[in-house]
Amino acid sequence: MALTAVPPGHCAAIVTHLEMTERPRPQPLRVHPLRLVAWPQPDLAKYRTLFSRVGTPWLWFSRTVMPGAAVAAIIGDPAVEVYAVADPRGIEVGILELDFREPGNCEIGYFGLVPELNGNGHGRWLMGEALARAWRKDVTRVWVHTCSLDHPSALNFYRAQGFVAFKREIETFPDPRLTGHLPRNAAPQVPILS
């Protein structure tokens, strides 16, 4: 076995890609206190705020360092659907992004809830909503990726929903807490090695 050194000031993550190539049996959508709100042509600042609220604990930073025009082009593309998860008061507590830009495929680009909601069954509800929207007449594959920096249950959650792993990669990147893209106290479970 070989170990690969991660340079000081960097993070490393094992990225697992998972797919579903058969439409799951229809399930009744449960009545739930949360609801999905479509964001057609989402405001960039509002999108980035929600992205950060959901993802900062897991070191999500890609959409915060990407130039605004590039993010706006993705989330404004007619083949990309962005949804906010809203609580009963209308407060945005989660995000779902479905990317249909590759014919026959739907990538669940972003899927998450604020940490306070994890572990209460809300993720299963959100995945039911995601799959109901992802599996369209022309879709033959729905896929998603997760990494070792995400919630510790993320990989098993996706597998329990019917996704099958098909590829694994290692990603290294400058620690966004050291570059100033995320607060230094973000993701305390991931040590900062400067």
Protein backbone atom coordinates (compact mmCIF):
# COMPACT_ATOMS: atom_id res chain seq x y z
CA MET A 1 0.00 0.00 0.00
CA ALA A 2 1.22 3.43 -0.81
CA LEU A 3 0.35 6.63 1.02
CA THR A 4 0.24 9.95 -0.79
CA ALA A 5 1.27 12.97 1.21
CA VAL A 6 -1.16 15.87 1.23
CA PRO A 7 0.69 19.19 1.08
CA PRO A 8 0.44 21.48 4.11
CA GLY A 9 -2.51 23.81 3.84
CA HIS A 10 -4.50 21.34 1.73
CA CYS A 11 -7.38 18.96 2.29
CA ALA A 12 -7.97 15.58 0.72
CA ALA A 13 -11.23 13.77 0.15
CA ILE A 14 -12.25 10.43 -1.29
CA VAL A 15 -15.04 11.12 -3.77
CA THR A 16 -17.50 8.31 -4.51
CA HIS A 17 -19.78 8.52 -7.54
CA LEU A 18 -23.06 6.61 -7.34
CA GLU A 19 -25.78 5.94 -9.88
CA MET A 20 -29.27 4.57 -10.23
CA THR A 21 -30.00 3.10 -13.66
CA GLU A 22 -33.47 1.76 -13.02
CA ARG A 23 -36.44 3.85 -12.13
CA PRO A 24 -37.44 3.00 -8.54
CA ARG A 25 -40.95 1.83 -7.81
CA PRO A 26 -43.23 4.78 -7.21
CA GLN A 27 -43.64 5.58 -3.54
CA PRO A 28 -46.34 7.74 -2.08
CA LEU A 29 -44.90 11.10 -1.12
CA ARG A 30 -45.46 11.62 2.58
CA VAL A 31 -47.04 14.69 4.06
CA HIS A 32 -44.10 16.53 5.50
CA PRO A 33 -43.57 19.83 7.32
CA LEU A 34 -40.85 20.89 4.87
CA ARG A 35 -41.59 21.81 1.28
CA LEU A 36 -39.66 22.39 -1.91
CA VAL A 37 -39.76 25.82 -3.47
CA ALA A 38 -38.62 26.07 -7.09
CA TRP A 39 -36.06 28.78 -7.74
CA PRO A 40 -36.23 29.49 -11.47
CA GLN A 41 -33.42 31.90 -12.32
CA PRO A 42 -32.24 32.11 -8.67
CA ASP A 43 -30.62 35.26 -7.38
CA LEU A 44 -26.88 34.58 -7.17
CA ALA A 45 -26.38 36.10 -3.71
CA LYS A 46 -29.39 34.29 -2.27
CA TYR A 47 -28.23 31.01 -3.84
CA ARG A 48 -24.71 31.36 -2.46
CA THR A 49 -26.06 32.19 1.00
CA LEU A 50 -28.15 29.02 1.10
CA PHE A 51 -25.31 26.98 -0.41
CA SER A 52 -23.04 28.19 2.40
CA ARG A 53 -25.61 27.62 5.16
CA VAL A 54 -26.04 24.01 4.08
CA GLY A 55 -22.49 23.22 2.98
CA THR A 56 -20.04 25.11 5.19
CA PRO A 57 -20.06 22.36 7.87
CA TRP A 58 -18.86 19.93 5.17
CA LEU A 59 -16.40 22.31 3.47
CA TRP A 60 -18.59 22.94 0.44
CA PHE A 61 -16.92 25.89 -1.21
CA SER A 62 -16.88 25.31 -4.97
CA ARG A 63 -19.76 27.66 -5.77
CA THR A 64 -18.32 30.37 -3.52
CA VAL A 65 -14.93 30.48 -5.29
CA MET A 66 -16.30 30.05 -8.81
CA PRO A 67 -16.73 33.39 -10.58
CA GLY A 68 -20.26 34.73 -10.20
CA ALA A 69 -20.91 34.68 -13.95
CA ALA A 70 -19.99 30.98 -14.11
CA VAL A 71 -22.30 30.08 -11.21
CA ALA A 72 -25.09 32.20 -12.69
CA ALA A 73 -24.67 30.41 -16.03
CA ILE A 74 -25.08 27.01 -14.35
CA ILE A 75 -28.00 27.80 -12.07
CA GLY A 76 -29.68 29.88 -14.76
CA ASP A 77 -29.44 27.16 -17.40
CA PRO A 78 -32.94 25.93 -18.34
CA ALA A 79 -31.70 22.34 -17.93
CA VAL A 80 -30.74 22.94 -14.28
CA GLU A 81 -33.42 23.07 -11.61
CA VAL A 82 -32.72 24.65 -8.24
CA TYR A 83 -35.02 24.21 -5.25
CA ALA A 84 -34.87 25.60 -1.75
CA VAL A 85 -36.19 23.48 1.09
CA ALA A 86 -38.40 25.70 3.25
CA ASP A 87 -39.61 25.07 6.77
CA PRO A 88 -43.21 25.87 7.86
CA ARG A 89 -42.22 29.52 8.50
CA GLY A 90 -40.75 29.84 5.00
CA ILE A 91 -37.13 29.85 6.18
CA GLU A 92 -34.79 28.19 3.68
CA VAL A 93 -33.17 25.19 5.35
CA GLY A 94 -31.93 23.07 2.47
CA ILE A 95 -31.01 22.91 -1.18
CA LEU A 96 -31.66 20.56 -4.10
CA GLU A 97 -30.08 21.04 -7.50
CA LEU A 98 -30.96 18.75 -10.43
CA ASP A 99 -28.82 18.94 -13.55
CA PHE A 100 -30.37 17.61 -16.78
CA ARG A 101 -27.74 19.09 -19.14
CA GLU A 102 -26.44 15.67 -20.21
CA PRO A 103 -29.14 13.93 -22.29
CA GLY A 104 -30.66 10.90 -20.58
CA ASN A 105 -29.04 11.78 -17.26
CA CYS A 106 -29.96 13.67 -14.14
CA GLU A 107 -27.17 14.59 -11.77
CA ILE A 108 -28.20 15.46 -8.25
CA GLY A 109 -25.66 18.27 -8.15
CA TYR A 110 -26.35 19.47 -4.62
CA PHE A 111 -28.52 17.86 -1.98
CA GLY A 112 -28.48 18.91 1.64
CA LEU A 113 -30.12 20.34 4.70
CA VAL A 114 -28.82 22.59 7.43
CA PRO A 115 -27.06 20.46 10.07
CA GLU A 116 -29.79 20.97 12.66
CA LEU A 117 -32.16 18.88 10.51
CA ASN A 118 -29.87 15.90 9.95
CA GLY A 119 -30.83 12.58 11.46
CA ASN A 120 -34.58 13.19 11.66
CA GLY A 121 -35.80 11.53 8.43
CA HIS A 122 -35.89 14.78 6.47
CA GLY A 123 -33.22 13.50 4.08
CA ARG A 124 -35.38 10.53 3.08
CA TRP A 125 -38.25 12.92 2.37
CA LEU A 126 -35.97 15.18 0.32
CA MET A 127 -34.57 12.22 -1.64
CA GLY A 128 -38.13 11.07 -2.41
CA GLU A 129 -38.86 14.53 -3.77
CA ALA A 130 -35.59 14.58 -5.71
CA LEU A 131 -36.19 11.20 -7.35
CA ALA A 132 -39.79 12.06 -8.20
CA ARG A 133 -38.47 15.09 -10.13
CA ALA A 134 -35.33 13.44 -11.54
CA TRP A 135 -36.93 10.40 -13.20
CA ARG A 136 -38.54 11.87 -16.27
CA LYS A 137 -39.61 10.10 -19.43
CA ASP A 138 -36.24 10.59 -21.13
CA VAL A 139 -34.01 9.94 -18.07
CA THR A 140 -32.28 6.55 -17.89
CA ARG A 141 -29.73 7.36 -15.19
CA VAL A 142 -29.72 9.45 -12.02
CA TRP A 143 -26.37 9.97 -10.36
CA VAL A 144 -24.79 11.76 -7.44
CA HIS A 145 -21.42 12.01 -5.78
CA THR A 146 -20.39 12.38 -2.17
CA CYS A 147 -17.05 12.62 -0.45
CA SER A 148 -15.38 11.69 2.80
CA LEU A 149 -15.78 15.29 4.02
CA ASP A 150 -19.60 15.11 3.78
CA HIS A 151 -21.81 13.94 6.63
CA PRO A 152 -20.47 10.57 7.87
CA SER A 153 -23.76 8.88 6.91
CA ALA A 154 -23.97 10.36 3.40
CA LEU A 155 -22.50 7.42 1.48
CA ASN A 156 -24.62 4.84 3.28
CA PHE A 157 -27.68 7.07 2.91
CA TYR A 158 -27.32 7.17 -0.88
CA ARG A 159 -26.76 3.41 -1.02
CA ALA A 160 -29.85 2.81 1.13
CA GLN A 161 -31.87 4.89 -1.36
CA GLY A 162 -30.88 2.53 -4.20
CA PHE A 163 -27.75 4.19 -5.59
CA VAL A 164 -24.80 1.96 -6.53
CA ALA A 165 -21.19 3.16 -6.43
CA PHE A 166 -19.43 3.10 -9.79
CA LYS A 167 -16.29 5.23 -9.43
CA ARG A 168 -13.99 6.54 -6.71
CA GLU A 169 -11.46 9.39 -6.92
CA ILE A 170 -9.19 11.31 -4.58
CA GLU A 171 -9.47 15.08 -4.63
CA THR A 172 -6.97 17.45 -3.02
CA PHE A 173 -7.42 21.20 -2.78
CA PRO A 174 -6.19 24.19 -0.81
CA ASP A 175 -8.03 24.32 2.51
CA PRO A 176 -10.79 26.93 1.97
CA ARG A 177 -10.50 27.98 5.63
CA LEU A 178 -6.89 28.98 5.04
CA THR A 179 -7.60 30.73 1.73
CA GLY A 180 -10.33 32.82 3.40
CA HIS A 181 -13.21 31.30 1.40
CA LEU A 182 -14.77 29.72 4.50
CA PRO A 183 -14.59 30.74 8.15
CA ARG A 184 -11.68 29.25 10.03
CA ASN A 185 -14.09 27.52 12.43
CA ALA A 186 -15.98 25.72 9.63
CA ALA A 187 -15.96 21.90 9.69
CA PRO A 188 -14.12 21.51 13.01
CA GLN A 189 -14.16 17.73 12.44
CA VAL A 190 -11.57 18.25 9.66
CA PRO A 191 -8.21 19.32 11.14
CA ILE A 192 -6.49 22.34 9.64
CA LEU A 193 -2.94 21.39 8.71
CA SER A 194 -1.08 24.58 7.82
